[in-house]
C-alpha atoms as a PDB file:
ATOM      1  CA  UNK A   1      -9.499  -7.666 -19.592  1.00  0.00           C
ATOM      2  CA  UNK A   2      -8.253 -10.617 -20.593  1.00  0.00           C
ATOM      3  CA  UNK A   3      -4.649 -12.176 -20.871  1.00  0.00           C
ATOM      4  CA  UNK A   4      -3.069 -14.795 -23.617  1.00  0.00           C
ATOM      5  CA  UNK A   5      -0.143 -16.191 -21.772  1.00  0.00           C
ATOM      6  CA  UNK A   6       2.759 -17.705 -23.973  1.00  0.00           C
ATOM      7  CA  UNK A   7       1.013 -17.384 -27.220  1.00  0.00           C
ATOM      8  CA  UNK A   8       3.866 -19.527 -28.990  1.00  0.00           C
ATOM      9  CA  UNK A   9       5.265 -17.947 -32.817  1.00  0.00           C
ATOM     10  CA  UNK A  10       8.360 -20.005 -33.623  1.00  0.00           C
ATOM     11  CA  UNK A  11       9.988 -22.321 -32.712  1.00  0.00           C
ATOM     12  CA  UNK A  12      14.022 -22.591 -33.188  1.00  0.00           C
ATOM     13  CA  UNK A  13      15.901 -25.477 -32.878  1.00  0.00           C
ATOM     14  CA  UNK A  14      12.628 -27.856 -30.912  1.00  0.00           C
ATOM     15  CA  UNK A  15      11.968 -23.986 -28.575  1.00  0.00           C
ATOM     16  CA  UNK A  16       9.356 -21.584 -29.022  1.00  0.00           C
ATOM     17  CA  UNK A  17       9.587 -17.836 -29.128  1.00  0.00           C
ATOM     18  CA  UNK A  18       6.687 -16.458 -27.069  1.00  0.00           C
ATOM     19  CA  UNK A  19       4.027 -13.246 -27.195  1.00  0.00           C
ATOM     20  CA  UNK A  20       1.988 -12.703 -23.994  1.00  0.00           C
ATOM     21  CA  UNK A  21      -2.010 -10.111 -24.598  1.00  0.00           C
ATOM     22  CA  UNK A  22      -3.173  -8.340 -22.829  1.00  0.00           C
ATOM     23  CA  UNK A  23      -6.746  -7.768 -24.622  1.00  0.00           C
ATOM     24  CA  UNK A  24      -9.286  -5.382 -22.908  1.00  0.00           C
ATOM     25  CA  UNK A  25     -11.586  -6.538 -24.872  1.00  0.00           C
ATOM     26  CA  UNK A  26     -12.682  -3.743 -26.940  1.00  0.00           C
ATOM     27  CA  UNK A  27     -13.642  -4.368 -30.084  1.00  0.00           C
ATOM     28  CA  UNK A  28     -11.619  -0.689 -31.121  1.00  0.00           C
ATOM     29  CA  UNK A  29      -8.264  -1.201 -29.742  1.00  0.00           C
ATOM     30  CA  UNK A  30      -5.414  -0.834 -31.405  1.00  0.00           C
ATOM     31  CA  UNK A  31      -3.123  -3.259 -30.672  1.00  0.00           C
ATOM     32  CA  UNK A  32       0.460  -2.083 -29.650  1.00  0.00           C
ATOM     33  CA  UNK A  33       3.695  -4.525 -29.878  1.00  0.00           C
ATOM     34  CA  UNK A  34       6.287  -3.746 -27.112  1.00  0.00           C
ATOM     35  CA  UNK A  35       9.941  -4.935 -27.714  1.00  0.00           C
ATOM     36  CA  UNK A  36      11.735  -5.201 -24.638  1.00  0.00           C
ATOM     37  CA  UNK A  37      14.630  -7.391 -22.145  1.00  0.00           C
ATOM     38  CA  UNK A  38      13.879  -7.454 -19.170  1.00  0.00           C
ATOM     39  CA  UNK A  39      14.308  -6.023 -17.138  1.00  0.00           C
ATOM     40  CA  UNK A  40      12.601  -3.042 -19.225  1.00  0.00           C
ATOM     41  CA  UNK A  41       9.536  -5.731 -19.393  1.00  0.00           C
ATOM     42  CA  UNK A  42       9.203  -5.879 -15.678  1.00  0.00           C
ATOM     43  CA  UNK A  43       9.266  -1.713 -16.013  1.00  0.00           C
ATOM     44  CA  UNK A  44       5.882  -1.903 -18.645  1.00  0.00           C
ATOM     45  CA  UNK A  45       4.320  -4.308 -16.953  1.00  0.00           C
ATOM     46  CA  UNK A  46       4.455  -2.945 -14.278  1.00  0.00           C
ATOM     47  CA  UNK A  47       3.853   0.885 -14.762  1.00  0.00           C
ATOM     48  CA  UNK A  48       2.947   1.479 -18.102  1.00  0.00           C
ATOM     49  CA  UNK A  49       0.672  -1.731 -19.378  1.00  0.00           C
ATOM     50  CA  UNK A  50      -2.593  -0.652 -16.924  1.00  0.00           C
ATOM     51  CA  UNK A  51      -1.801   3.119 -18.223  1.00  0.00           C
ATOM     52  CA  UNK A  52      -2.558   1.486 -21.818  1.00  0.00           C
ATOM     53  CA  UNK A  53      -4.813  -0.986 -20.918  1.00  0.00           C
ATOM     54  CA  UNK A  54      -7.379   1.741 -18.850  1.00  0.00           C
ATOM     55  CA  UNK A  55      -6.923   3.649 -22.861  1.00  0.00           C
ATOM     56  CA  UNK A  56      -8.225   0.381 -24.111  1.00  0.00           C
ATOM     57  CA  UNK A  57      -5.052  -0.264 -25.924  1.00  0.00           C
ATOM     58  CA  UNK A  58      -4.537  -4.169 -26.344  1.00  0.00           C
ATOM     59  CA  UNK A  59      -1.169  -5.088 -25.693  1.00  0.00           C
ATOM     60  CA  UNK A  60       1.303  -7.982 -27.022  1.00  0.00           C
ATOM     61  CA  UNK A  61       4.911  -8.544 -24.895  1.00  0.00           C
ATOM     62  CA  UNK A  62       7.236 -10.282 -27.360  1.00  0.00           C
ATOM     63  CA  UNK A  63      10.613 -12.704 -26.149  1.00  0.00           C
ATOM     64  CA  UNK A  64      13.534 -11.700 -28.729  1.00  0.00           C
ATOM     65  CA  UNK A  65      16.341 -12.127 -29.808  1.00  0.00           C
ATOM     66  CA  UNK A  66      17.319 -10.278 -32.127  1.00  0.00           C
ATOM     67  CA  UNK A  67      15.169  -8.092 -35.032  1.00  0.00           C
ATOM     68  CA  UNK A  68      14.742 -11.450 -36.912  1.00  0.00           C
ATOM     69  CA  UNK A  69      12.462 -12.220 -34.091  1.00  0.00           C
ATOM     70  CA  UNK A  70      11.139  -8.756 -34.462  1.00  0.00           C
ATOM     71  CA  UNK A  71       9.287  -9.622 -37.317  1.00  0.00           C
ATOM     72  CA  UNK A  72       8.061 -13.372 -37.255  1.00  0.00           C
ATOM     73  CA  UNK A  73       5.841 -12.023 -33.736  1.00  0.00           C
ATOM     74  CA  UNK A  74       4.967  -9.010 -35.736  1.00  0.00           C
ATOM     75  CA  UNK A  75       3.659 -10.965 -38.911  1.00  0.00           C
END
């Protein structure tokens, strides 16, 4: 598995919003974009993420402030 952390996707007032990409290195992997606040993100990392990676999904976890940020992350 390859993990790429803090990939910038949107610049706002000189700062960047980021996503982390968890890649099972499987050419057939489908991508799940996980949008969560800080509390839910920690649950994702510890409980749900291992199951998704075992099932050969790639997962992008994004930081965001509003729905517009989510749209940028998806692009």
